[in-house]
Amino acid sequence: MATNVSEDPIATIRGALESGRLTINALDDGSGVLLDVDGEQLLTLNRTGMRLVQAIDEGASSVEALRDMLLEEFEVEAERAEADARAFVGEVAEAL
């Protein structure tokens, strides 16, 4: 799967969500956890990470789409939002 991660980490995450390998568990404060059933690991997410995963689950298919969502929902500059989204999806996909 490492080849898919480097090519398209968003597709890797979406595939794990669609297959049931990853489950999203939102907490009342907006943060949440991802349970990786196959890898037997739990990934804790802050509000931003939670929204990024939810956006992927809702159909966001590019870092630019994730950046735009961050710009709409959080006070952040475009360059930082894109860099953070790119780093986040890379780290989550690598953990799978």
PDB file of N, CA and C in Angstrom:
ATOM      1  N   MET A   1       0.816  -1.203   0.000  1.00  0.00           N
ATOM      2  CA  MET A   1       0.000   0.000   0.000  1.00  0.00           C
ATOM      3  C   MET A   1       0.854   1.259   0.000  1.00  0.00           C
ATOM      4  N   ALA A   2       2.143   1.185   0.327  1.00  0.00           N
ATOM      5  CA  ALA A   2       2.999   2.355   0.401  1.00  0.00           C
ATOM      6  C   ALA A   2       3.012   3.134  -0.910  1.00  0.00           C
ATOM      7  N   THR A   3       2.914   2.463  -2.034  1.00  0.00           N
ATOM      8  CA  THR A   3       2.886   3.162  -3.310  1.00  0.00           C
ATOM      9  C   THR A   3       1.658   4.054  -3.409  1.00  0.00           C
ATOM     10  N   ASN A   4       0.505   3.555  -3.011  1.00  0.00           N
ATOM     11  CA  ASN A   4      -0.708   4.362  -3.042  1.00  0.00           C
ATOM     12  C   ASN A   4      -0.615   5.561  -2.117  1.00  0.00           C
ATOM     13  N   VAL A   5       0.027   5.377  -0.959  1.00  0.00           N
ATOM     14  CA  VAL A   5       0.159   6.469  -0.006  1.00  0.00           C
ATOM     15  C   VAL A   5       0.921   7.618  -0.630  1.00  0.00           C
ATOM     16  N   SER A   6       2.061   7.334  -1.264  1.00  0.00           N
ATOM     17  CA  SER A   6       2.857   8.409  -1.833  1.00  0.00           C
ATOM     18  C   SER A   6       2.146   9.060  -3.018  1.00  0.00           C
ATOM     19  N   GLU A   7       1.361   8.297  -3.745  1.00  0.00           N
ATOM     20  CA  GLU A   7       0.673   8.846  -4.905  1.00  0.00           C
ATOM     21  C   GLU A   7      -0.579   9.629  -4.515  1.00  0.00           C
ATOM     22  N   ASP A   8      -1.387   9.103  -3.612  1.00  0.00           N
ATOM     23  CA  ASP A   8      -2.625   9.772  -3.247  1.00  0.00           C
ATOM     24  C   ASP A   8      -3.069   9.392  -1.835  1.00  0.00           C
ATOM     25  N   PRO A   9      -2.524  10.099  -0.832  1.00  0.00           N
ATOM     26  CA  PRO A   9      -2.878   9.760   0.544  1.00  0.00           C
ATOM     27  C   PRO A   9      -4.365   9.963   0.844  1.00  0.00           C
ATOM     28  N   ILE A  10      -5.013  10.906   0.164  1.00  0.00           N
ATOM     29  CA  ILE A  10      -6.443  11.126   0.393  1.00  0.00           C
ATOM     30  C   ILE A  10      -7.241   9.902  -0.044  1.00  0.00           C
ATOM     31  N   ALA A  11      -6.887   9.330  -1.187  1.00  0.00           N
ATOM     32  CA  ALA A  11      -7.565   8.115  -1.653  1.00  0.00           C
ATOM     33  C   ALA A  11      -7.311   6.951  -0.703  1.00  0.00           C
ATOM     34  N   THR A  12      -6.125   6.882  -0.137  1.00  0.00           N
ATOM     35  CA  THR A  12      -5.806   5.830   0.828  1.00  0.00           C
ATOM     36  C   THR A  12      -6.703   5.950   2.051  1.00  0.00           C
ATOM     37  N   ILE A  13      -6.848   7.172   2.559  1.00  0.00           N
ATOM     38  CA  ILE A  13      -7.695   7.401   3.730  1.00  0.00           C
ATOM     39  C   ILE A  13      -9.153   7.110   3.392  1.00  0.00           C
ATOM     40  N   ARG A  14      -9.622   7.622   2.258  1.00  0.00           N
ATOM     41  CA  ARG A  14     -11.011   7.385   1.859  1.00  0.00           C
ATOM     42  C   ARG A  14     -11.287   5.885   1.714  1.00  0.00           C
ATOM     43  N   GLY A  15     -10.371   5.164   1.093  1.00  0.00           N
ATOM     44  CA  GLY A  15     -10.539   3.727   0.936  1.00  0.00           C
ATOM     45  C   GLY A  15     -10.647   3.021   2.279  1.00  0.00           C
ATOM     46  N   ALA A  16      -9.840   3.447   3.237  1.00  0.00           N
ATOM     47  CA  ALA A  16      -9.894   2.845   4.574  1.00  0.00           C
ATOM     48  C   ALA A  16     -11.215   3.171   5.268  1.00  0.00           C
ATOM     49  N   LEU A  17     -11.732   4.365   5.048  1.00  0.00           N
ATOM     50  CA  LEU A  17     -13.028   4.739   5.619  1.00  0.00           C
ATOM     51  C   LEU A  17     -14.152   3.936   4.972  1.00  0.00           C
ATOM     52  N   GLU A  18     -14.128   3.844   3.643  1.00  0.00           N
ATOM     53  CA  GLU A  18     -15.190   3.144   2.918  1.00  0.00           C
ATOM     54  C   GLU A  18     -15.198   1.645   3.202  1.00  0.00           C
ATOM     55  N   SER A  19     -14.025   1.077   3.431  1.00  0.00           N
ATOM     56  CA  SER A  19     -13.951  -0.366   3.684  1.00  0.00           C
ATOM     57  C   SER A  19     -14.304  -0.729   5.123  1.00  0.00           C
ATOM     58  N   GLY A  20     -14.384   0.270   5.980  1.00  0.00           N
ATOM     59  CA  GLY A  20     -14.653   0.004   7.384  1.00  0.00           C
ATOM     60  C   GLY A  20     -13.396  -0.207   8.203  1.00  0.00           C
ATOM     61  N   ARG A  21     -12.237  -0.148   7.550  1.00  0.00           N
ATOM     62  CA  ARG A  21     -10.987  -0.286   8.293  1.00  0.00           C
ATOM     63  C   ARG A  21     -10.834   0.852   9.296  1.00  0.00           C
ATOM     64  N   LEU A  22     -11.192   2.067   8.881  1.00  0.00           N
ATOM     65  CA  LEU A  22     -11.152   3.233   9.765  1.00  0.00           C
ATOM     66  C   LEU A  22     -12.563   3.620  10.147  1.00  0.00           C
ATOM     67  N   THR A  23     -12.765   3.879  11.417  1.00  0.00           N
ATOM     68  CA  THR A  23     -14.042   4.431  11.860  1.00  0.00           C
ATOM     69  C   THR A  23     -13.771   5.757  12.556  1.00  0.00           C
ATOM     70  N   ILE A  24     -14.665   6.715  12.322  1.00  0.00           N
ATOM     71  CA  ILE A  24     -14.551   8.046  12.893  1.00  0.00           C
ATOM     72  C   ILE A  24     -15.439   8.114  14.121  1.00  0.00           C
ATOM     73  N   ASN A  25     -14.880   8.589  15.215  1.00  0.00           N
ATOM     74  CA  ASN A  25     -15.643   8.760  16.443  1.00  0.00           C
ATOM     75  C   ASN A  25     -15.464  10.194  16.919  1.00  0.00           C
ATOM     76  N   ALA A  26     -16.507  11.011  16.733  1.00  0.00           N
ATOM     77  CA  ALA A  26     -16.461  12.416  17.122  1.00  0.00           C
ATOM     78  C   ALA A  26     -16.736  12.563  18.613  1.00  0.00           C
ATOM     79  N   LEU A  27     -16.046  13.499  19.230  1.00  0.00           N
ATOM     80  CA  LEU A  27     -16.269  13.825  20.629  1.00  0.00           C
ATOM     81  C   LEU A  27     -17.016  15.154  20.719  1.00  0.00           C
ATOM     82  N   ASP A  28     -17.606  15.428  21.858  1.00  0.00           N
ATOM     83  CA  ASP A  28     -18.439  16.620  22.024  1.00  0.00           C
ATOM     84  C   ASP A  28     -17.697  17.930  21.782  1.00  0.00           C
ATOM     85  N   ASP A  29     -16.400  17.964  22.021  1.00  0.00           N
ATOM     86  CA  ASP A  29     -15.643  19.204  21.866  1.00  0.00           C
ATOM     87  C   ASP A  29     -15.156  19.444  20.441  1.00  0.00           C
ATOM     88  N   GLY A  30     -15.545  18.577  19.490  1.00  0.00           N
ATOM     89  CA  GLY A  30     -15.135  18.739  18.103  1.00  0.00           C
ATOM     90  C   GLY A  30     -13.910  17.921  17.736  1.00  0.00           C
ATOM     91  N   SER A  31     -13.211  17.424  18.722  1.00  0.00           N
ATOM     92  CA  SER A  31     -12.078  16.546  18.444  1.00  0.00           C
ATOM     93  C   SER A  31     -12.624  15.141  18.192  1.00  0.00           C
ATOM     94  N   GLY A  32     -11.758  14.176  18.069  1.00  0.00           N
ATOM     95  CA  GLY A  32     -12.242  12.826  17.846  1.00  0.00           C
ATOM     96  C   GLY A  32     -11.128  11.819  17.769  1.00  0.00           C
ATOM     97  N   VAL A  33     -11.504  10.605  17.450  1.00  0.00           N
ATOM     98  CA  VAL A  33     -10.535   9.531  17.302  1.00  0.00           C
ATOM     99  C   VAL A  33     -10.854   8.736  16.043  1.00  0.00           C
ATOM    100  N   LEU A  34      -9.814   8.221  15.434  1.00  0.00           N
ATOM    101  CA  LEU A  34      -9.939   7.276  14.324  1.00  0.00           C
ATOM    102  C   LEU A  34      -9.500   5.925  14.844  1.00  0.00           C
ATOM    103  N   LEU A  35     -10.335   4.955  14.684  1.00  0.00           N
ATOM    104  CA  LEU A  35      -9.985   3.593  15.062  1.00  0.00           C
ATOM    105  C   LEU A  35      -9.599   2.846  13.799  1.00  0.00           C
ATOM    106  N   ASP A  36      -8.360   2.361  13.768  1.00  0.00           N
ATOM    107  CA  ASP A  36      -7.860   1.549  12.659  1.00  0.00           C
ATOM    108  C   ASP A  36      -7.986   0.099  13.091  1.00  0.00           C
ATOM    109  N   VAL A  37      -9.031  -0.554  12.622  1.00  0.00           N
ATOM    110  CA  VAL A  37      -9.337  -1.923  13.030  1.00  0.00           C
ATOM    111  C   VAL A  37      -8.233  -2.883  12.600  1.00  0.00           C
ATOM    112  N   ASP A  38      -7.774  -2.778  11.350  1.00  0.00           N
ATOM    113  CA  ASP A  38      -6.751  -3.695  10.849  1.00  0.00           C
ATOM    114  C   ASP A  38      -5.408  -3.493  11.543  1.00  0.00           C
ATOM    115  N   GLY A  39      -5.045  -2.249  11.734  1.00  0.00           N
ATOM    116  CA  GLY A  39      -3.753  -1.950  12.354  1.00  0.00           C
ATOM    117  C   GLY A  39      -3.809  -1.942  13.862  1.00  0.00           C
ATOM    118  N   GLU A  40      -5.001  -2.143  14.404  1.00  0.00           N
ATOM    119  CA  GLU A  40      -5.210  -2.142  15.847  1.00  0.00           C
ATOM    120  C   GLU A  40      -4.586  -0.930  16.511  1.00  0.00           C
ATOM    121  N   GLN A  41      -4.913   0.250  15.970  1.00  0.00           N
ATOM    122  CA  GLN A  41      -4.414   1.475  16.568  1.00  0.00           C
ATOM    123  C   GLN A  41      -5.506   2.520  16.647  1.00  0.00           C
ATOM    124  N   LEU A  42      -5.295   3.461  17.535  1.00  0.00           N
ATOM    125  CA  LEU A  42      -6.235   4.542  17.760  1.00  0.00           C
ATOM    126  C   LEU A  42      -5.494   5.847  17.511  1.00  0.00           C
ATOM    127  N   LEU A  43      -6.016   6.670  16.620  1.00  0.00           N
ATOM    128  CA  LEU A  43      -5.398   7.952  16.305  1.00  0.00           C
ATOM    129  C   LEU A  43      -6.268   9.052  16.899  1.00  0.00           C
ATOM    130  N   THR A  44      -5.706   9.862  17.778  1.00  0.00           N
ATOM    131  CA  THR A  44      -6.473  10.959  18.359  1.00  0.00           C
ATOM    132  C   THR A  44      -6.339  12.191  17.464  1.00  0.00           C
ATOM    133  N   LEU A  45      -7.436  12.908  17.306  1.00  0.00           N
ATOM    134  CA  LEU A  45      -7.473  14.063  16.413  1.00  0.00           C
ATOM    135  C   LEU A  45      -7.976  15.296  17.151  1.00  0.00           C
ATOM    136  N   ASN A  46      -7.333  16.431  16.888  1.00  0.00           N
ATOM    137  CA  ASN A  46      -7.878  17.686  17.387  1.00  0.00           C
ATOM    138  C   ASN A  46      -9.023  18.104  16.466  1.00  0.00           C
ATOM    139  N   ARG A  47      -9.628  19.259  16.714  1.00  0.00           N
ATOM    140  CA  ARG A  47     -10.768  19.708  15.903  1.00  0.00           C
ATOM    141  C   ARG A  47     -10.407  19.805  14.429  1.00  0.00           C
ATOM    142  N   THR A  48      -9.232  20.328  14.140  1.00  0.00           N
ATOM    143  CA  THR A  48      -8.815  20.489  12.747  1.00  0.00           C
ATOM    144  C   THR A  48      -8.648  19.141  12.060  1.00  0.00           C
ATOM    145  N   GLY A  49      -7.967  18.225  12.710  1.00  0.00           N
ATOM    146  CA  GLY A  49      -7.787  16.890  12.140  1.00  0.00           C
ATOM    147  C   GLY A  49      -9.115  16.186  11.936  1.00  0.00           C
ATOM    148  N   MET A  50     -10.008  16.368  12.895  1.00  0.00           N
ATOM    149  CA  MET A  50     -11.324  15.745  12.787  1.00  0.00           C
ATOM    150  C   MET A  50     -12.069  16.280  11.563  1.00  0.00           C
ATOM    151  N   ARG A  51     -12.035  17.591  11.364  1.00  0.00           N
ATOM    152  CA  ARG A  51     -12.722  18.172  10.204  1.00  0.00           C
ATOM    153  C   ARG A  51     -12.085  17.714   8.896  1.00  0.00           C
ATOM    154  N   LEU A  52     -10.769  17.561   8.876  1.00  0.00           N
ATOM    155  CA  LEU A  52     -10.116  17.086   7.661  1.00  0.00           C
ATOM    156  C   LEU A  52     -10.583  15.676   7.315  1.00  0.00           C
ATOM    157  N   VAL A  53     -10.641  14.797   8.310  1.00  0.00           N
ATOM    158  CA  VAL A  53     -11.102  13.424   8.058  1.00  0.00           C
ATOM    159  C   VAL A  53     -12.568  13.420   7.649  1.00  0.00           C
ATOM    160  N   GLN A  54     -13.379  14.228   8.310  1.00  0.00           N
ATOM    161  CA  GLN A  54     -14.794  14.301   7.938  1.00  0.00           C
ATOM    162  C   GLN A  54     -14.956  14.804   6.513  1.00  0.00           C
ATOM    163  N   ALA A  55     -14.158  15.795   6.121  1.00  0.00           N
ATOM    164  CA  ALA A  55     -14.238  16.326   4.758  1.00  0.00           C
ATOM    165  C   ALA A  55     -13.857  15.256   3.734  1.00  0.00           C
ATOM    166  N   ILE A  56     -12.847  14.460   4.044  1.00  0.00           N
ATOM    167  CA  ILE A  56     -12.479  13.356   3.148  1.00  0.00           C
ATOM    168  C   ILE A  56     -13.625  12.361   3.068  1.00  0.00           C
ATOM    169  N   ASP A  57     -14.213  12.049   4.208  1.00  0.00           N
ATOM    170  CA  ASP A  57     -15.339  11.114   4.242  1.00  0.00           C
ATOM    171  C   ASP A  57     -16.541  11.655   3.463  1.00  0.00           C
ATOM    172  N   GLU A  58     -16.677  12.977   3.418  1.00  0.00           N
ATOM    173  CA  GLU A  58     -17.786  13.620   2.702  1.00  0.00           C
ATOM    174  C   GLU A  58     -17.478  13.840   1.229  1.00  0.00           C
ATOM    175  N   GLY A  59     -16.263  13.478   0.772  1.00  0.00           N
ATOM    176  CA  GLY A  59     -15.973  13.551  -0.649  1.00  0.00           C
ATOM    177  C   GLY A  59     -14.841  14.451  -1.081  1.00  0.00           C
ATOM    178  N   ALA A  60     -14.220  15.188  -0.169  1.00  0.00           N
ATOM    179  CA  ALA A  60     -13.072  16.021  -0.566  1.00  0.00           C
ATOM    180  C   ALA A  60     -12.003  15.107  -1.148  1.00  0.00           C
ATOM    181  N   SER A  61     -11.490  15.465  -2.313  1.00  0.00           N
ATOM    182  CA  SER A  61     -10.557  14.564  -2.989  1.00  0.00           C
ATOM    183  C   SER A  61      -9.213  15.203  -3.324  1.00  0.00           C
ATOM    184  N   SER A  62      -8.968  16.402  -2.810  1.00  0.00           N
ATOM    185  CA  SER A  62      -7.685  17.052  -3.079  1.00  0.00           C
ATOM    186  C   SER A  62      -7.265  17.886  -1.873  1.00  0.00           C
ATOM    187  N   VAL A  63      -5.975  18.137  -1.790  1.00  0.00           N
ATOM    188  CA  VAL A  63      -5.456  18.998  -0.728  1.00  0.00           C
ATOM    189  C   VAL A  63      -6.063  20.393  -0.869  1.00  0.00           C
ATOM    190  N   GLU A  64      -6.284  20.822  -2.096  1.00  0.00           N
ATOM    191  CA  GLU A  64      -6.874  22.145  -2.313  1.00  0.00           C
ATOM    192  C   GLU A  64      -8.288  22.218  -1.747  1.00  0.00           C
ATOM    193  N   ALA A  65      -9.068  21.172  -1.909  1.00  0.00           N
ATOM    194  CA  ALA A  65     -10.420  21.140  -1.336  1.00  0.00           C
ATOM    195  C   ALA A  65     -10.356  21.168   0.184  1.00  0.00           C
ATOM    196  N   LEU A  66      -9.402  20.451   0.746  1.00  0.00           N
ATOM    197  CA  LEU A  66      -9.230  20.468   2.199  1.00  0.00           C
ATOM    198  C   LEU A  66      -8.782  21.843   2.667  1.00  0.00           C
ATOM    199  N   ARG A  67      -7.869  22.466   1.929  1.00  0.00           N
ATOM    200  CA  ARG A  67      -7.422  23.823   2.253  1.00  0.00           C
ATOM    201  C   ARG A  67      -8.604  24.774   2.255  1.00  0.00           C
ATOM    202  N   ASP A  68      -9.439  24.696   1.242  1.00  0.00           N
ATOM    203  CA  ASP A  68     -10.587  25.593   1.149  1.00  0.00           C
ATOM    204  C   ASP A  68     -11.542  25.406   2.319  1.00  0.00           C
ATOM    205  N   MET A  69     -11.744  24.166   2.750  1.00  0.00           N
ATOM    206  CA  MET A  69     -12.593  23.900   3.905  1.00  0.00           C
ATOM    207  C   MET A  69     -11.983  24.529   5.149  1.00  0.00           C
ATOM    208  N   LEU A  70     -10.667  24.384   5.323  1.00  0.00           N
ATOM    209  CA  LEU A  70     -10.003  24.978   6.480  1.00  0.00           C
ATOM    210  C   LEU A  70     -10.131  26.496   6.472  1.00  0.00           C
ATOM    211  N   LEU A  71      -9.999  27.095   5.297  1.00  0.00           N
ATOM    212  CA  LEU A  71     -10.112  28.549   5.188  1.00  0.00           C
ATOM    213  C   LEU A  71     -11.510  29.036   5.556  1.00  0.00           C
ATOM    214  N   GLU A  72     -12.529  28.251   5.219  1.00  0.00           N
ATOM    215  CA  GLU A  72     -13.909  28.612   5.544  1.00  0.00           C
ATOM    216  C   GLU A  72     -14.217  28.461   7.028  1.00  0.00           C
ATOM    217  N   GLU A  73     -13.630  27.463   7.661  1.00  0.00           N
ATOM    218  CA  GLU A  73     -14.022  27.113   9.026  1.00  0.00           C
ATOM    219  C   GLU A  73     -13.062  27.560  10.120  1.00  0.00           C
ATOM    220  N   PHE A  74     -11.831  27.896   9.760  1.00  0.00           N
ATOM    221  CA  PHE A  74     -10.824  28.270  10.754  1.00  0.00           C
ATOM    222  C   PHE A  74     -10.119  29.551  10.327  1.00  0.00           C
ATOM    223  N   GLU A  75      -9.578  30.268  11.291  1.00  0.00           N
ATOM    224  CA  GLU A  75      -8.803  31.463  10.991  1.00  0.00           C
ATOM    225  C   GLU A  75      -7.365  31.034  10.726  1.00  0.00           C
ATOM    226  N   VAL A  76      -7.047  30.899   9.444  1.00  0.00           N
ATOM    227  CA  VAL A  76      -5.724  30.423   9.049  1.00  0.00           C
ATOM    228  C   VAL A  76      -5.411  30.986   7.667  1.00  0.00           C
ATOM    229  N   GLU A  77      -4.137  31.197   7.392  1.00  0.00           N
ATOM    230  CA  GLU A  77      -3.727  31.675   6.074  1.00  0.00           C
ATOM    231  C   GLU A  77      -3.705  30.508   5.092  1.00  0.00           C
ATOM    232  N   ALA A  78      -3.943  30.805   3.821  1.00  0.00           N
ATOM    233  CA  ALA A  78      -4.065  29.771   2.782  1.00  0.00           C
ATOM    234  C   ALA A  78      -2.822  28.888   2.705  1.00  0.00           C
ATOM    235  N   GLU A  79      -1.657  29.484   2.737  1.00  0.00           N
ATOM    236  CA  GLU A  79      -0.415  28.711   2.614  1.00  0.00           C
ATOM    237  C   GLU A  79      -0.273  27.736   3.788  1.00  0.00           C
ATOM    238  N   ARG A  80      -0.577  28.209   4.978  1.00  0.00           N
ATOM    239  CA  ARG A  80      -0.488  27.347   6.173  1.00  0.00           C
ATOM    240  C   ARG A  80      -1.543  26.243   6.124  1.00  0.00           C
ATOM    241  N   ALA A  81      -2.763  26.599   5.709  1.00  0.00           N
ATOM    242  CA  ALA A  81      -3.842  25.607   5.625  1.00  0.00           C
ATOM    243  C   ALA A  81      -3.473  24.490   4.656  1.00  0.00           C
ATOM    244  N   GLU A  82      -2.921  24.844   3.511  1.00  0.00           N
ATOM    245  CA  GLU A  82      -2.546  23.830   2.523  1.00  0.00           C
ATOM    246  C   GLU A  82      -1.406  22.958   3.025  1.00  0.00           C
ATOM    247  N   ALA A  83      -0.397  23.583   3.633  1.00  0.00           N
ATOM    248  CA  ALA A  83       0.729  22.811   4.159  1.00  0.00           C
ATOM    249  C   ALA A  83       0.272  21.862   5.267  1.00  0.00           C
ATOM    250  N   ASP A  84      -0.596  22.353   6.148  1.00  0.00           N
ATOM    251  CA  ASP A  84      -1.088  21.508   7.246  1.00  0.00           C
ATOM    252  C   ASP A  84      -1.941  20.356   6.720  1.00  0.00           C
ATOM    253  N   ALA A  85      -2.801  20.636   5.750  1.00  0.00           N
ATOM    254  CA  ALA A  85      -3.650  19.583   5.176  1.00  0.00           C
ATOM    255  C   ALA A  85      -2.790  18.519   4.499  1.00  0.00           C
ATOM    256  N   ARG A  86      -1.788  18.955   3.753  1.00  0.00           N
ATOM    257  CA  ARG A  86      -0.894  18.020   3.049  1.00  0.00           C
ATOM    258  C   ARG A  86      -0.134  17.147   4.052  1.00  0.00           C
ATOM    259  N   ALA A  87       0.391  17.761   5.098  1.00  0.00           N
ATOM    260  CA  ALA A  87       1.130  17.006   6.106  1.00  0.00           C
ATOM    261  C   ALA A  87       0.216  16.029   6.852  1.00  0.00           C
ATOM    262  N   PHE A  88      -0.982  16.479   7.191  1.00  0.00           N
ATOM    263  CA  PHE A  88      -1.921  15.644   7.927  1.00  0.00           C
ATOM    264  C   PHE A  88      -2.302  14.388   7.142  1.00  0.00           C
ATOM    265  N   VAL A  89      -2.720  14.564   5.892  1.00  0.00           N
ATOM    266  CA  VAL A  89      -3.141  13.388   5.128  1.00  0.00           C
ATOM    267  C   VAL A  89      -1.975  12.442   4.888  1.00  0.00           C
ATOM    268  N   GLY A  90      -0.778  12.989   4.719  1.00  0.00           N
ATOM    269  CA  GLY A  90       0.389  12.142   4.554  1.00  0.00           C
ATOM    270  C   GLY A  90       0.671  11.313   5.796  1.00  0.00           C
ATOM    271  N   GLU A  91       0.567  11.927   6.965  1.00  0.00           N
ATOM    272  CA  GLU A  91       0.823  11.216   8.217  1.00  0.00           C
ATOM    273  C   GLU A  91      -0.235  10.154   8.497  1.00  0.00           C
ATOM    274  N   VAL A  92      -1.506  10.483   8.266  1.00  0.00           N
ATOM    275  CA  VAL A  92      -2.555   9.500   8.528  1.00  0.00           C
ATOM    276  C   VAL A  92      -2.429   8.334   7.560  1.00  0.00           C
ATOM    277  N   ALA A  93      -2.227   8.636   6.280  1.00  0.00           N
ATOM    278  CA  ALA A  93      -2.105   7.555   5.284  1.00  0.00           C
ATOM    279  C   ALA A  93      -0.895   6.679   5.591  1.00  0.00           C
ATOM    280  N   GLU A  94       0.183   7.271   6.028  1.00  0.00           N
ATOM    281  CA  GLU A  94       1.396   6.509   6.361  1.00  0.00           C
ATOM    282  C   GLU A  94       1.163   5.590   7.552  1.00  0.00           C
ATOM    283  N   ALA A  95       0.302   5.994   8.469  1.00  0.00           N
ATOM    284  CA  ALA A  95       0.013   5.193   9.659  1.00  0.00           C
ATOM    285  C   ALA A  95      -0.825   3.947   9.321  1.00  0.00           C
ATOM    286  N   LEU A  96      -1.474   3.964   8.159  1.00  0.00           N
ATOM    287  CA  LEU A  96      -2.346   2.841   7.795  1.00  0.00           C
ATOM    288  C   LEU A  96      -1.553   1.661   7.250  1.00  0.00           C
TER     289      LEU A  96
END
